[in-house]
C-alpha atoms as a PDB file:
ATOM      1  CA  MET A   1       0.348  11.368   7.218  1.00  0.00           C
ATOM      2  CA  PHE A   2       3.604  11.673   5.346  1.00  0.00           C
ATOM      3  CA  TYR A   3       4.723   9.865   2.203  1.00  0.00           C
ATOM      4  CA  SER A   4       8.085   9.268   0.590  1.00  0.00           C
ATOM      5  CA  ALA A   5       7.044   8.860  -3.049  1.00  0.00           C
ATOM      6  CA  TYR A   6       4.080   8.738  -5.388  1.00  0.00           C
ATOM      7  CA  HIS A   7       4.295   7.126  -8.828  1.00  0.00           C
ATOM      8  CA  SER A   8       1.361   7.895 -11.093  1.00  0.00           C
ATOM      9  CA  ILE A   9       2.453   5.116 -13.460  1.00  0.00           C
ATOM     10  CA  ASP A  10       3.933   1.929 -11.980  1.00  0.00           C
ATOM     11  CA  VAL A  11       4.137  -1.575 -13.410  1.00  0.00           C
ATOM     12  CA  VAL A  12       6.128  -3.200 -10.586  1.00  0.00           C
ATOM     13  CA  ASN A  13       3.945  -3.062  -7.459  1.00  0.00           C
ATOM     14  CA  GLY A  14       0.946  -5.230  -8.320  1.00  0.00           C
ATOM     15  CA  GLU A  15      -0.879  -6.474 -11.396  1.00  0.00           C
ATOM     16  CA  GLY A  16      -1.076  -4.165 -14.393  1.00  0.00           C
ATOM     17  CA  THR A  17      -0.344  -0.473 -14.646  1.00  0.00           C
ATOM     18  CA  ARG A  18      -0.994   1.206 -11.298  1.00  0.00           C
ATOM     19  CA  CYS A  19      -0.654   4.287  -9.151  1.00  0.00           C
ATOM     20  CA  THR A  20       1.614   3.601  -6.176  1.00  0.00           C
ATOM     21  CA  LEU A  21       1.921   5.545  -2.937  1.00  0.00           C
ATOM     22  CA  PHE A  22       4.800   4.868  -0.552  1.00  0.00           C
ATOM     23  CA  VAL A  23       3.732   6.149   2.851  1.00  0.00           C
ATOM     24  CA  SER A  24       6.082   6.982   5.720  1.00  0.00           C
ATOM     25  CA  GLY A  25       6.058   5.385   9.137  1.00  0.00           C
ATOM     26  CA  CYS A  26       7.077   1.859  10.036  1.00  0.00           C
ATOM     27  CA  ASP A  27       7.868   0.360  13.444  1.00  0.00           C
ATOM     28  CA  HIS A  28       8.852  -3.099  12.174  1.00  0.00           C
ATOM     29  CA  ALA A  29      12.499  -2.191  11.432  1.00  0.00           C
ATOM     30  CA  CYS A  30      13.040  -5.301   9.328  1.00  0.00           C
ATOM     31  CA  LYS A  31      16.679  -6.180   8.840  1.00  0.00           C
ATOM     32  CA  GLY A  32      17.522  -5.769   5.160  1.00  0.00           C
ATOM     33  CA  CYS A  33      14.549  -3.510   4.417  1.00  0.00           C
ATOM     34  CA  TYR A  34      15.061  -1.811   1.053  1.00  0.00           C
ATOM     35  CA  ASN A  35      13.056   1.233   2.108  1.00  0.00           C
ATOM     36  CA  GLN A  36      14.513   2.271   5.484  1.00  0.00           C
ATOM     37  CA  SER A  37      14.169   5.949   4.578  1.00  0.00           C
ATOM     38  CA  THR A  38      10.406   5.566   5.117  1.00  0.00           C
ATOM     39  CA  TRP A  39      10.575   4.328   8.711  1.00  0.00           C
ATOM     40  CA  ARG A  40      10.145   7.720  10.390  1.00  0.00           C
ATOM     41  CA  VAL A  41       6.511   8.861  10.473  1.00  0.00           C
ATOM     42  CA  ASP A  42       7.560  12.364   9.373  1.00  0.00           C
ATOM     43  CA  ALA A  43       9.892  11.313   6.563  1.00  0.00           C
ATOM     44  CA  GLY A  44       9.313  12.773   3.117  1.00  0.00           C
ATOM     45  CA  HIS A  45       6.368  15.007   2.278  1.00  0.00           C
ATOM     46  CA  GLN A  46       3.076  15.864   3.928  1.00  0.00           C
ATOM     47  CA  PHE A  47       0.167  13.983   2.325  1.00  0.00           C
ATOM     48  CA  THR A  48      -2.255  16.664   1.177  1.00  0.00           C
ATOM     49  CA  GLN A  49      -5.774  16.895  -0.169  1.00  0.00           C
ATOM     50  CA  GLN A  50      -4.203  17.950  -3.488  1.00  0.00           C
ATOM     51  CA  LEU A  51      -2.235  14.693  -3.710  1.00  0.00           C
ATOM     52  CA  GLU A  52      -5.275  12.653  -2.745  1.00  0.00           C
ATOM     53  CA  ASP A  53      -7.256  14.410  -5.495  1.00  0.00           C
ATOM     54  CA  ARG A  54      -4.428  13.771  -7.971  1.00  0.00           C
ATOM     55  CA  ILE A  55      -4.406  10.038  -7.137  1.00  0.00           C
ATOM     56  CA  ILE A  56      -8.149   9.843  -7.804  1.00  0.00           C
ATOM     57  CA  ALA A  57      -7.738  11.793 -11.059  1.00  0.00           C
ATOM     58  CA  ASP A  58      -4.825   9.585 -12.153  1.00  0.00           C
ATOM     59  CA  LEU A  59      -6.821   6.422 -11.440  1.00  0.00           C
ATOM     60  CA  ASN A  60      -9.695   7.771 -13.534  1.00  0.00           C
ATOM     61  CA  ASP A  61      -7.506   9.053 -16.390  1.00  0.00           C
ATOM     62  CA  THR A  62      -8.698   7.313 -19.550  1.00  0.00           C
ATOM     63  CA  ARG A  63      -5.577   8.213 -21.544  1.00  0.00           C
ATOM     64  CA  ILE A  64      -3.430   5.849 -19.464  1.00  0.00           C
ATOM     65  CA  ARG A  65      -5.560   3.055 -18.029  1.00  0.00           C
ATOM     66  CA  ARG A  66      -4.549   2.074 -14.533  1.00  0.00           C
ATOM     67  CA  ARG A  67      -5.782  -1.125 -12.989  1.00  0.00           C
ATOM     68  CA  GLY A  68      -5.612   0.257  -9.481  1.00  0.00           C
ATOM     69  CA  LEU A  69      -3.802   1.695  -6.490  1.00  0.00           C
ATOM     70  CA  SER A  70      -0.901   0.136  -4.591  1.00  0.00           C
ATOM     71  CA  LEU A  71      -0.103   1.222  -1.037  1.00  0.00           C
ATOM     72  CA  SER A  72       3.329   0.429   0.345  1.00  0.00           C
ATOM     73  CA  GLY A  73       5.834   2.147   2.549  1.00  0.00           C
ATOM     74  CA  GLY A  74       6.783   2.394   5.282  1.00  0.00           C
ATOM     75  CA  ASP A  75       3.610   0.704   6.403  1.00  0.00           C
ATOM     76  CA  PRO A  76       0.168   1.906   5.313  1.00  0.00           C
ATOM     77  CA  LEU A  77      -1.282   0.319   8.462  1.00  0.00           C
ATOM     78  CA  HIS A  78       1.066   2.165  10.840  1.00  0.00           C
ATOM     79  CA  PRO A  79      -1.145   3.865  13.481  1.00  0.00           C
ATOM     80  CA  ALA A  80      -0.062   7.316  12.228  1.00  0.00           C
ATOM     81  CA  ASN A  81      -1.380   6.444   8.739  1.00  0.00           C
ATOM     82  CA  VAL A  82      -4.654   4.698   9.490  1.00  0.00           C
ATOM     83  CA  SER A  83      -6.969   7.707   9.280  1.00  0.00           C
ATOM     84  CA  ALA A  84      -5.591   9.093   6.006  1.00  0.00           C
ATOM     85  CA  VAL A  85      -5.254   5.659   4.375  1.00  0.00           C
ATOM     86  CA  LEU A  86      -8.835   4.757   5.309  1.00  0.00           C
ATOM     87  CA  GLN A  87     -10.085   7.999   3.782  1.00  0.00           C
ATOM     88  CA  LEU A  88      -8.069   7.357   0.601  1.00  0.00           C
ATOM     89  CA  VAL A  89      -9.233   3.768   0.107  1.00  0.00           C
ATOM     90  CA  GLN A  90     -12.838   4.770   0.752  1.00  0.00           C
ATOM     91  CA  ARG A  91     -12.560   7.472  -1.899  1.00  0.00           C
ATOM     92  CA  VAL A  92     -11.027   5.016  -4.365  1.00  0.00           C
ATOM     93  CA  ARG A  93     -13.883   2.582  -3.713  1.00  0.00           C
ATOM     94  CA  HIS A  94     -16.480   5.319  -4.174  1.00  0.00           C
ATOM     95  CA  GLU A  95     -14.968   7.308  -7.070  1.00  0.00           C
ATOM     96  CA  CYS A  96     -12.887   4.734  -8.999  1.00  0.00           C
ATOM     97  CA  ILE A  97     -15.397   1.954  -9.437  1.00  0.00           C
ATOM     98  CA  ASP A  98     -13.415  -0.546 -11.511  1.00  0.00           C
ATOM     99  CA  LYS A  99     -10.035  -0.136  -9.753  1.00  0.00           C
ATOM    100  CA  ASP A 100      -8.442  -2.584  -7.353  1.00  0.00           C
ATOM    101  CA  ILE A 101      -6.351  -1.769  -4.282  1.00  0.00           C
ATOM    102  CA  TRP A 102      -3.223  -3.625  -3.162  1.00  0.00           C
ATOM    103  CA  LEU A 103      -1.577  -3.054   0.221  1.00  0.00           C
ATOM    104  CA  TRP A 104       1.729  -4.199   1.707  1.00  0.00           C
ATOM    105  CA  THR A 105       2.060  -4.334   5.502  1.00  0.00           C
ATOM    106  CA  GLY A 106       4.432  -5.772   8.057  1.00  0.00           C
ATOM    107  CA  TYR A 107       1.491  -6.576  10.297  1.00  0.00           C
ATOM    108  CA  GLN A 108      -0.055 -10.010  10.020  1.00  0.00           C
ATOM    109  CA  MET A 109      -3.772 -10.277   9.323  1.00  0.00           C
ATOM    110  CA  SER A 110      -4.278 -12.004  12.687  1.00  0.00           C
ATOM    111  CA  GLU A 111      -2.893  -9.029  14.645  1.00  0.00           C
ATOM    112  CA  LEU A 112      -4.772  -6.136  13.039  1.00  0.00           C
ATOM    113  CA  THR A 113      -6.593  -3.592  15.171  1.00  0.00           C
ATOM    114  CA  THR A 114     -10.205  -2.732  14.411  1.00  0.00           C
ATOM    115  CA  ALA A 115      -9.071   0.425  12.591  1.00  0.00           C
ATOM    116  CA  GLN A 116      -6.519  -1.473  10.494  1.00  0.00           C
ATOM    117  CA  ALA A 117      -9.090  -4.166   9.682  1.00  0.00           C
ATOM    118  CA  ALA A 118     -11.452  -1.435   8.429  1.00  0.00           C
ATOM    119  CA  ILE A 119      -8.837  -0.531   5.822  1.00  0.00           C
ATOM    120  CA  VAL A 120      -8.211  -4.144   4.847  1.00  0.00           C
ATOM    121  CA  ALA A 121     -11.962  -4.590   4.324  1.00  0.00           C
ATOM    122  CA  GLN A 122     -11.695  -2.023   1.496  1.00  0.00           C
ATOM    123  CA  VAL A 123      -8.658  -3.657  -0.141  1.00  0.00           C
ATOM    124  CA  ASP A 124      -8.501  -6.387  -2.785  1.00  0.00           C
ATOM    125  CA  VAL A 125      -5.031  -7.828  -2.116  1.00  0.00           C
ATOM    126  CA  VAL A 126      -2.957  -7.656   1.071  1.00  0.00           C
ATOM    127  CA  ILE A 127       0.624  -8.846   1.314  1.00  0.00           C
ATOM    128  CA  ASP A 128       1.287  -9.227   5.016  1.00  0.00           C
ATOM    129  CA  GLY A 129       4.189 -10.068   7.287  1.00  0.00           C
ATOM    130  CA  LYS A 130       7.527  -8.541   8.107  1.00  0.00           C
ATOM    131  CA  PHE A 131      10.366  -8.875   5.622  1.00  0.00           C
ATOM    132  CA  GLU A 132      12.667 -11.655   6.874  1.00  0.00           C
ATOM    133  CA  GLN A 133      16.116 -11.330   5.368  1.00  0.00           C
ATOM    134  CA  THR A 134      16.911 -15.002   6.037  1.00  0.00           C
ATOM    135  CA  LEU A 135      13.848 -15.945   3.960  1.00  0.00           C
ATOM    136  CA  ALA A 136      14.473 -13.424   1.174  1.00  0.00           C
ATOM    137  CA  ASP A 137      13.891 -14.763  -2.314  1.00  0.00           C
ATOM    138  CA  PRO A 138      14.042 -12.485  -5.373  1.00  0.00           C
ATOM    139  CA  SER A 139      12.054 -15.024  -7.403  1.00  0.00           C
ATOM    140  CA  LEU A 140       8.932 -14.522  -5.276  1.00  0.00           C
ATOM    141  CA  LYS A 141       6.174 -12.557  -6.939  1.00  0.00           C
ATOM    142  CA  TRP A 142       4.893  -9.445  -5.090  1.00  0.00           C
ATOM    143  CA  ARG A 143       6.825 -10.166  -1.880  1.00  0.00           C
ATOM    144  CA  GLY A 144      10.369 -10.111  -0.622  1.00  0.00           C
ATOM    145  CA  SER A 145      10.531 -13.072   1.731  1.00  0.00           C
ATOM    146  CA  ALA A 146       8.890 -16.488   1.864  1.00  0.00           C
ATOM    147  CA  ASN A 147       7.055 -15.818   5.148  1.00  0.00           C
ATOM    148  CA  GLN A 148       4.995 -13.031   3.622  1.00  0.00           C
ATOM    149  CA  ILE A 149       1.542 -14.110   2.503  1.00  0.00           C
ATOM    150  CA  ILE A 150      -0.554 -12.806  -0.389  1.00  0.00           C
ATOM    151  CA  HIS A 151      -4.189 -12.569   0.735  1.00  0.00           C
ATOM    152  CA  THR A 152      -6.841 -12.108  -1.929  1.00  0.00           C
ATOM    153  CA  ILE A 153      -9.658 -10.288  -0.165  1.00  0.00           C
ATOM    154  CA  SER A 154     -11.817  -9.531  -3.208  1.00  0.00           C
ATOM    155  CA  LYS A 155     -13.414 -12.376  -5.122  1.00  0.00           C
ATOM    156  CA  GLY A 156     -12.749 -10.560  -8.400  1.00  0.00           C
ATOM    157  CA  ILE A 157      -8.955 -10.802  -8.314  1.00  0.00           C
END
């Protein structure tokens, strides 16, 4: 898997202070996408074990309390990302007990593959649906267009 950016401290992409990973790879090609540089699956940097370890360490850092991890892109559920994203969310669940996970995807919940659904089962909040420029609304919280839906998977959110 490749990624375009990692922010160890982010207050924009989800509730509270978070770690945010922008993965590469997206086939949706939404008109008006603000992150077109992440569309290619090999854009940016190789996701390494060292970065995965750093994300876990950052989430567990008691000096700066993070509420959780946000996964955006690109698309975390792109087929090229599924294996690495599943491993990451499983580690977060196992090693970062009180942290939540948010995920943005252009796929709709109803069209997920078994592998993509395995990731979603580990996530607390999913914002699904392609960005639709004609439905764009900057006043919407956590999403760019009115067709995108915020799904609360965990009962604790």
